[in-house]
């Protein structure tokens, strides 16, 4: 599976990036504008936060979906076992822990700016017959969106008492347009190819992994595939080490029409119910 590593500053970056998304649903971005020192500082902040009881002050709001989601809260679509993780949702309007420095806000804004560029690349490289399905250009869909989400994820060390078959992140596709994933602190990300085989995604420290989500697949009438991926459990000595990752999920404004069947809001609500984060009465 040829997931391309694309140098952000190369002259053919736009073409190679979009080609990799079209063929595999993923691309690895190197030499991008986000500084590794900033990423490291954010990870350090959240490591301290997740290791303290202060996180319980920010228990998630089931309606607004902001705040802290405890261990074993979420399951992937079609899976009954809960993922072996805890996480925090950062929205521009949501609760922000006073224990966390402003570095996370800086990272959020820088990633959002970069993603607008990447969506512009995809828009320009998409064939006209596919673009005609977009209700507005892709990079305009996310402007003023209230659902652009930075998720800070902590996968705790394994203790041997995990339910049989439970893993850190069961096989799933992302709901949104595209995801910008800051390289995790440990390996574990795998992607499934069209033959059903799993492949490790090597994303060096400081790199970004970008993948297409279900909303882009819906909006492009299947031209861009929403690729299945998972986070596997570590082995041997790695079992005793936490893993952290930070995906930024890019969502269109609620009113954006994805297809004849869905607006962005309708699609999001349907999927949140499927993964257990929103009740059917919400």
Protein backbone atom coordinates (compact mmCIF):
# COMPACT_ATOMS: atom_id res chain seq x y z
CA UNK A 1 0.00 0.00 0.00
CA UNK A 2 1.75 3.13 -1.23
CA UNK A 3 0.88 5.87 1.25
CA UNK A 4 3.06 8.70 -0.01
CA UNK A 5 5.30 10.88 2.12
CA UNK A 6 4.92 14.35 0.67
CA UNK A 7 7.28 17.25 1.28
CA UNK A 8 4.98 20.21 1.89
CA UNK A 9 7.44 22.62 0.26
CA UNK A 10 8.04 20.68 -2.95
CA UNK A 11 6.60 22.08 -6.17
CA UNK A 12 4.52 18.94 -6.82
CA UNK A 13 3.25 18.60 -3.24
CA UNK A 14 -0.34 19.49 -4.12
CA UNK A 15 -0.54 16.85 -6.84
CA UNK A 16 1.24 14.08 -4.89
CA UNK A 17 -0.75 14.75 -1.73
CA UNK A 18 -4.11 14.55 -3.49
CA UNK A 19 -3.05 11.52 -5.53
CA UNK A 20 -2.15 9.64 -2.34
CA UNK A 21 -5.54 10.49 -0.79
CA UNK A 22 -7.31 9.30 -3.94
CA UNK A 23 -5.39 6.00 -4.09
CA UNK A 24 -5.07 5.10 -0.41
CA UNK A 25 -7.13 7.57 1.65
CA UNK A 26 -3.93 8.62 3.48
CA UNK A 27 -0.88 10.83 2.98
CA UNK A 28 2.09 11.65 5.23
CA UNK A 29 3.13 15.32 5.22
CA UNK A 30 6.72 16.30 6.01
CA UNK A 31 8.50 19.67 6.17
CA UNK A 32 5.24 21.40 7.07
CA UNK A 33 4.90 24.69 9.01
CA UNK A 34 3.97 23.18 12.42
CA UNK A 35 7.03 23.22 14.69
CA UNK A 36 7.96 19.99 16.50
CA UNK A 37 8.75 21.93 19.70
CA UNK A 38 5.14 23.15 19.83
CA UNK A 39 3.85 19.61 19.35
CA UNK A 40 6.15 18.29 22.10
CA UNK A 41 5.01 21.00 24.52
CA UNK A 42 1.36 20.18 23.91
CA UNK A 43 1.94 16.48 24.49
CA UNK A 44 3.74 17.22 27.78
CA UNK A 45 0.84 19.39 29.00
CA UNK A 46 -1.72 16.69 28.34
CA UNK A 47 0.42 13.88 29.77
CA UNK A 48 0.34 15.73 33.08
CA UNK A 49 -3.39 16.41 32.75
CA UNK A 50 -4.40 12.80 32.05
CA UNK A 51 -2.25 11.57 34.93
CA UNK A 52 -4.15 13.76 37.42
CA UNK A 53 -7.64 13.60 38.90
CA UNK A 54 -8.30 17.17 37.73
CA UNK A 55 -9.56 15.78 34.43
CA UNK A 56 -12.75 14.64 36.17
CA UNK A 57 -13.79 18.29 36.63
CA UNK A 58 -14.33 18.49 32.88
CA UNK A 59 -16.52 15.43 32.31
CA UNK A 60 -17.99 15.59 28.81
CA UNK A 61 -21.34 17.15 28.00
CA UNK A 62 -23.36 14.51 26.08
CA UNK A 63 -25.16 17.21 24.11
CA UNK A 64 -22.33 19.65 23.37
CA UNK A 65 -19.69 16.89 23.14
CA UNK A 66 -16.92 18.99 24.69
CA UNK A 67 -14.73 18.05 27.66
CA UNK A 68 -13.20 14.89 29.07
CA UNK A 69 -14.31 11.41 27.96
CA UNK A 70 -13.22 8.74 30.49
CA UNK A 71 -11.57 5.42 29.71
CA UNK A 72 -13.85 2.95 27.91
CA UNK A 73 -16.37 5.55 26.70
CA UNK A 74 -16.30 5.11 22.92
CA UNK A 75 -16.73 2.14 20.61
CA UNK A 76 -16.09 2.09 16.88
CA UNK A 77 -19.06 1.78 14.54
CA UNK A 78 -20.13 -1.86 14.37
CA UNK A 79 -18.09 -2.87 17.44
CA UNK A 80 -19.49 -3.65 20.88
CA UNK A 81 -16.19 -3.50 22.80
CA UNK A 82 -15.07 -0.08 24.00
CA UNK A 83 -11.73 1.32 22.82
CA UNK A 84 -8.87 1.30 25.35
CA UNK A 85 -8.52 5.07 25.54
CA UNK A 86 -9.55 8.29 27.24
CA UNK A 87 -9.68 11.63 25.47
CA UNK A 88 -10.51 15.32 25.61
CA UNK A 89 -12.46 17.33 23.03
CA UNK A 90 -11.23 20.83 22.22
CA UNK A 91 -13.71 23.02 20.33
CA UNK A 92 -13.15 26.75 19.72
CA UNK A 93 -16.23 27.46 21.88
CA UNK A 94 -15.80 24.60 24.37
CA UNK A 95 -14.37 24.23 27.86
CA UNK A 96 -10.59 24.59 28.03
CA UNK A 97 -8.82 23.29 31.15
CA UNK A 98 -7.17 26.03 33.18
CA UNK A 99 -4.39 23.50 33.89
CA UNK A 100 -3.41 23.48 30.19
CA UNK A 101 -1.19 26.20 28.72
CA UNK A 102 -2.14 28.19 25.62
CA UNK A 103 0.13 25.96 23.50
CA UNK A 104 -2.84 23.73 22.57
CA UNK A 105 -4.81 26.77 21.33
CA UNK A 106 -1.82 27.84 19.24
CA UNK A 107 -1.53 24.34 17.77
CA UNK A 108 -5.26 24.20 17.04
CA UNK A 109 -5.15 27.48 15.11
CA UNK A 110 -2.02 26.54 13.17
CA UNK A 111 -3.45 23.16 12.20
CA UNK A 112 -6.72 24.79 11.14
CA UNK A 113 -4.85 27.26 8.92
CA UNK A 114 -2.80 24.44 7.37
CA UNK A 115 -5.90 22.36 6.75
CA UNK A 116 -7.56 25.17 4.84
CA UNK A 117 -4.57 25.04 2.49
CA UNK A 118 -4.80 21.25 2.16
CA UNK A 119 -8.52 21.37 1.36
CA UNK A 120 -7.69 23.97 -1.28
CA UNK A 121 -5.18 21.56 -2.78
CA UNK A 122 -7.78 18.80 -2.91
CA UNK A 123 -10.32 21.16 -4.47
CA UNK A 124 -7.91 22.20 -7.24
CA UNK A 125 -6.79 18.65 -8.05
CA UNK A 126 -10.28 17.12 -8.11
CA UNK A 127 -11.74 16.48 -11.60
CA UNK A 128 -14.47 18.87 -12.67
CA UNK A 129 -17.09 16.13 -12.88
CA UNK A 130 -16.45 15.29 -9.21
CA UNK A 131 -16.22 18.92 -8.06
CA UNK A 132 -19.66 19.50 -9.49
CA UNK A 133 -20.99 17.44 -6.56
CA UNK A 134 -19.62 19.92 -3.99
CA UNK A 135 -22.24 22.40 -2.80
CA UNK A 136 -19.42 24.89 -2.06
CA UNK A 137 -15.61 24.58 -2.44
CA UNK A 138 -14.08 22.27 0.17
CA UNK A 139 -11.96 24.92 1.90
CA UNK A 140 -15.05 27.12 2.27
CA UNK A 141 -17.07 24.32 3.91
CA UNK A 142 -15.09 24.59 7.16
CA UNK A 143 -15.18 28.39 7.50
CA UNK A 144 -16.92 29.35 10.79
CA UNK A 145 -17.66 25.68 11.51
CA UNK A 146 -18.51 25.08 15.16
CA UNK A 147 -17.66 21.37 14.93
CA UNK A 148 -13.97 21.48 13.93
CA UNK A 149 -12.55 19.30 16.68
CA UNK A 150 -9.11 18.70 18.17
CA UNK A 151 -9.17 15.43 20.10
CA UNK A 152 -6.35 14.76 22.57
CA UNK A 153 -6.14 10.99 23.07
CA UNK A 154 -4.40 9.01 25.81
CA UNK A 155 -4.03 5.26 25.42
CA UNK A 156 -2.96 4.04 28.89
CA UNK A 157 -0.47 1.20 29.42
CA UNK A 158 -1.99 -2.27 29.21
CA UNK A 159 -2.42 -4.08 32.54
CA UNK A 160 -3.44 -7.55 31.37
CA UNK A 161 -7.04 -7.17 32.53
CA UNK A 162 -8.38 -5.89 29.21
CA UNK A 163 -11.46 -7.59 27.82
CA UNK A 164 -10.59 -10.25 25.27
CA UNK A 165 -10.49 -8.68 21.80
CA UNK A 166 -10.39 -5.07 23.02
CA UNK A 167 -7.80 -2.84 21.36
CA UNK A 168 -6.79 0.80 21.62
CA UNK A 169 -8.76 1.85 18.56
CA UNK A 170 -10.98 -0.68 16.78
CA UNK A 171 -11.21 -0.60 12.99
CA UNK A 172 -13.17 2.44 11.84
CA UNK A 173 -13.49 5.25 9.35
CA UNK A 174 -13.52 8.90 10.40
CA UNK A 175 -16.79 10.81 10.19
CA UNK A 176 -15.51 14.17 8.94
CA UNK A 177 -14.08 15.67 5.72
CA UNK A 178 -10.38 15.12 6.41
CA UNK A 179 -8.37 14.38 9.55
CA UNK A 180 -4.98 15.91 10.29
CA UNK A 181 -3.26 13.55 12.73
CA UNK A 182 -0.22 14.79 14.60
CA UNK A 183 2.25 11.88 14.80
CA UNK A 184 1.55 9.76 17.87
CA UNK A 185 4.11 9.31 20.62
CA UNK A 186 4.30 5.56 19.89
CA UNK A 187 3.62 3.34 16.83
CA UNK A 188 0.29 1.57 16.40
CA UNK A 189 -1.56 3.14 13.46
CA UNK A 190 -2.56 0.67 10.77
CA UNK A 191 -4.51 1.10 7.51
CA UNK A 192 -6.50 -1.54 5.63
CA UNK A 193 -6.04 -1.89 1.86
CA UNK A 194 -8.69 -2.90 -0.67
CA UNK A 195 -7.70 -6.56 -0.29
CA UNK A 196 -8.38 -6.51 3.44
CA UNK A 197 -4.72 -6.57 4.53
CA UNK A 198 -3.42 -4.28 7.28
CA UNK A 199 -0.36 -2.04 6.85
CA UNK A 200 1.63 -0.15 9.48
CA UNK A 201 1.73 3.61 8.87
CA UNK A 202 5.13 5.00 9.74
CA UNK A 203 4.73 8.60 10.82
CA UNK A 204 7.99 9.98 12.23
CA UNK A 205 7.91 12.48 15.12
CA UNK A 206 6.81 15.86 13.85
CA UNK A 207 5.13 14.49 10.73
CA UNK A 208 1.41 14.74 10.00
CA UNK A 209 -0.79 11.94 8.72
CA UNK A 210 -3.81 13.14 6.74
CA UNK A 211 -6.72 10.90 5.87
CA UNK A 212 -10.04 11.32 4.14
CA UNK A 213 -13.25 10.86 6.11
CA UNK A 214 -16.77 9.68 5.38
CA UNK A 215 -18.07 13.19 4.70
CA UNK A 216 -15.56 13.73 1.87
CA UNK A 217 -16.41 10.31 0.49
CA UNK A 218 -20.11 11.24 0.62
CA UNK A 219 -19.57 14.68 -0.93
CA UNK A 220 -17.36 13.31 -3.73
CA UNK A 221 -19.75 10.44 -4.51
CA UNK A 222 -17.05 7.93 -3.57
CA UNK A 223 -14.18 9.46 -5.56
CA UNK A 224 -12.12 9.93 -2.38
CA UNK A 225 -12.22 6.75 -0.26
CA UNK A 226 -12.69 6.88 3.50
CA UNK A 227 -10.10 4.27 4.45
CA UNK A 228 -10.49 1.91 7.39
CA UNK A 229 -7.80 2.26 10.06
CA UNK A 230 -7.12 1.12 13.62
CA UNK A 231 -4.76 1.52 16.57
CA UNK A 232 -3.38 -1.86 17.62
CA UNK A 233 -2.21 -2.85 21.08
CA UNK A 234 1.54 -2.73 21.75
CA UNK A 235 3.58 -5.83 22.52
CA UNK A 236 6.28 -6.81 24.99
CA UNK A 237 7.93 -3.87 26.77
CA UNK A 238 5.79 -1.35 24.84
CA UNK A 239 2.73 -2.56 26.78
CA UNK A 240 3.91 -0.51 29.76
CA UNK A 241 4.09 2.77 27.84
CA UNK A 242 1.28 5.24 27.27
CA UNK A 243 0.51 6.41 23.75
CA UNK A 244 -0.75 9.91 22.95
CA UNK A 245 -2.09 11.26 19.68
CA UNK A 246 -3.85 14.42 18.47
CA UNK A 247 -6.21 14.29 15.49
CA UNK A 248 -7.88 17.44 14.21
CA UNK A 249 -11.21 16.49 12.65
CA UNK A 250 -12.33 18.98 10.00
CA UNK A 251 -16.09 19.33 9.76
CA UNK A 252 -18.24 21.41 7.41
CA UNK A 253 -20.69 23.91 8.85
CA UNK A 254 -23.88 22.19 9.97
CA UNK A 255 -25.93 23.58 7.08
CA UNK A 256 -23.55 22.43 4.32
CA UNK A 257 -25.23 19.99 1.97
CA UNK A 258 -23.00 16.94 1.52
CA UNK A 259 -25.30 15.09 -0.85
CA UNK A 260 -28.94 14.70 -1.75
CA UNK A 261 -29.32 12.56 1.38
CA UNK A 262 -27.45 14.51 4.08
CA UNK A 263 -26.50 17.86 5.48
CA UNK A 264 -23.32 17.86 7.54
CA UNK A 265 -25.32 18.05 10.79
CA UNK A 266 -27.59 15.17 9.86
CA UNK A 267 -24.63 13.01 8.95
CA UNK A 268 -22.73 13.84 12.15
CA UNK A 269 -25.67 13.15 14.45
CA UNK A 270 -26.32 9.79 12.80
CA UNK A 271 -22.71 8.69 13.28
CA UNK A 272 -22.40 9.95 16.88
CA UNK A 273 -25.32 7.74 17.80
CA UNK A 274 -23.68 4.76 16.08
CA UNK A 275 -20.47 5.07 18.12
CA UNK A 276 -22.21 5.59 21.45
CA UNK A 277 -21.37 9.26 22.04
CA UNK A 278 -24.88 10.61 21.57
CA UNK A 279 -28.21 9.19 22.73
CA UNK A 280 -31.06 8.57 20.33
CA UNK A 281 -33.13 11.20 22.12
CA UNK A 282 -30.54 13.94 21.63
